[in-house]
Protein backbone atom coordinates (compact mmCIF):
# COMPACT_ATOMS: atom_id res chain seq x y z
CA MET A 1 -11.02 1.64 -10.89
CA SER A 2 -10.67 -1.25 -13.18
CA LEU A 3 -12.23 -2.84 -16.23
CA PHE A 4 -12.00 -6.19 -17.54
CA VAL A 5 -12.46 -6.69 -21.20
CA ASN A 6 -12.67 -9.74 -23.25
CA ASN A 7 -13.76 -11.00 -26.49
CA LEU A 8 -10.81 -9.53 -28.01
CA ALA A 9 -9.92 -10.23 -31.54
CA SER A 10 -7.03 -12.11 -32.15
CA THR A 11 -5.42 -9.10 -33.96
CA VAL A 12 -6.01 -6.80 -31.30
CA THR A 13 -2.21 -5.75 -29.69
CA ILE A 14 -1.70 -3.88 -26.76
CA TYR A 15 -1.14 -0.79 -28.72
CA ILE A 16 -4.39 -0.86 -29.95
CA LEU A 17 -5.65 -1.39 -26.24
CA ASP A 18 -3.39 1.72 -25.33
CA GLU A 19 -4.59 3.79 -27.98
CA LEU A 20 -8.29 3.06 -26.87
CA PHE A 21 -8.25 3.39 -23.15
CA ASN A 22 -5.55 5.87 -22.34
CA LYS A 23 -7.40 8.58 -24.43
CA TYR A 24 -9.61 8.88 -21.05
CA GLY A 25 -7.07 8.94 -18.58
CA LYS A 26 -4.12 7.54 -17.26
CA CYS A 27 -4.19 3.87 -17.03
CA ASN A 28 -2.25 0.55 -16.38
CA ILE A 29 -3.20 -2.22 -19.12
CA THR A 30 -2.70 -6.05 -18.38
CA PHE A 31 -2.93 -7.79 -21.87
CA ARG A 32 -3.73 -11.34 -21.86
CA GLY A 33 -4.49 -12.01 -25.73
CA THR A 34 -8.14 -12.39 -25.54
CA TYR A 35 -8.82 -10.39 -22.22
CA ALA A 36 -7.23 -7.43 -20.58
CA PHE A 37 -7.47 -5.69 -17.23
CA ILE A 38 -7.73 -1.88 -17.02
CA ASP A 39 -6.76 -0.14 -14.20
CA TYR A 40 -7.44 3.62 -13.73
CA ILE A 41 -6.17 5.95 -11.22
CA GLU A 42 -9.52 8.31 -11.30
CA GLU A 43 -12.82 6.99 -11.16
CA LYS A 44 -14.47 9.44 -13.54
CA ASP A 45 -11.91 8.03 -16.06
CA ALA A 46 -12.89 4.42 -15.46
CA THR A 47 -16.48 5.91 -16.05
CA ASP A 48 -15.85 7.67 -19.04
CA ALA A 49 -13.93 4.90 -20.68
CA TYR A 50 -16.54 2.09 -19.37
CA GLU A 51 -19.56 4.56 -20.93
CA ASN A 52 -17.86 4.93 -24.07
CA LEU A 53 -16.18 1.70 -25.14
CA LYS A 54 -19.08 -0.71 -23.95
CA GLY A 55 -19.95 -2.81 -26.81
CA LYS A 56 -17.36 -1.10 -29.69
CA ILE A 57 -16.10 -2.87 -32.21
CA VAL A 58 -12.74 -3.36 -32.36
CA GLU A 59 -10.77 -5.12 -35.31
CA GLY A 60 -14.06 -6.12 -36.57
CA GLN A 61 -15.28 -7.75 -33.09
CA MET A 62 -17.78 -6.54 -30.56
CA ILE A 63 -15.75 -5.99 -27.15
CA ASN A 64 -17.34 -6.70 -23.74
CA LEU A 65 -16.37 -4.69 -21.15
CA GLU A 66 -17.37 -5.20 -17.50
CA TRP A 67 -16.43 -3.66 -14.23
CA ASN A 68 -13.58 -5.79 -12.90
CA LYS A 69 -14.66 -7.75 -9.61
CA HIS A 70 -11.26 -8.36 -8.22
CA PRO A 71 -9.28 -4.92 -8.88
CA LYS A 72 -5.56 -5.18 -8.12
CA SER A 73 -6.29 -2.73 -5.18
CA GLU A 74 -7.58 -5.53 -3.32
CA GLY A 75 -4.70 -7.76 -3.63
CA LEU A 76 -5.21 -9.55 -6.91
């Protein structure tokens, strides 16, 4: 399962994202500055992260969290 997170503050780093998302389960993070893709192996981990982090304030800015419409497992 894959999540798309955007509206990231300019002060957000890969380390901050790693700390936020890895506590819900093992995941791979592709960080692109103002957005990132979070790929979980387990669907339950992705669901837990989504439910707990959607709308969270990170580095003073509310993140936007969505289900990724084009996960890597589909070749993108």
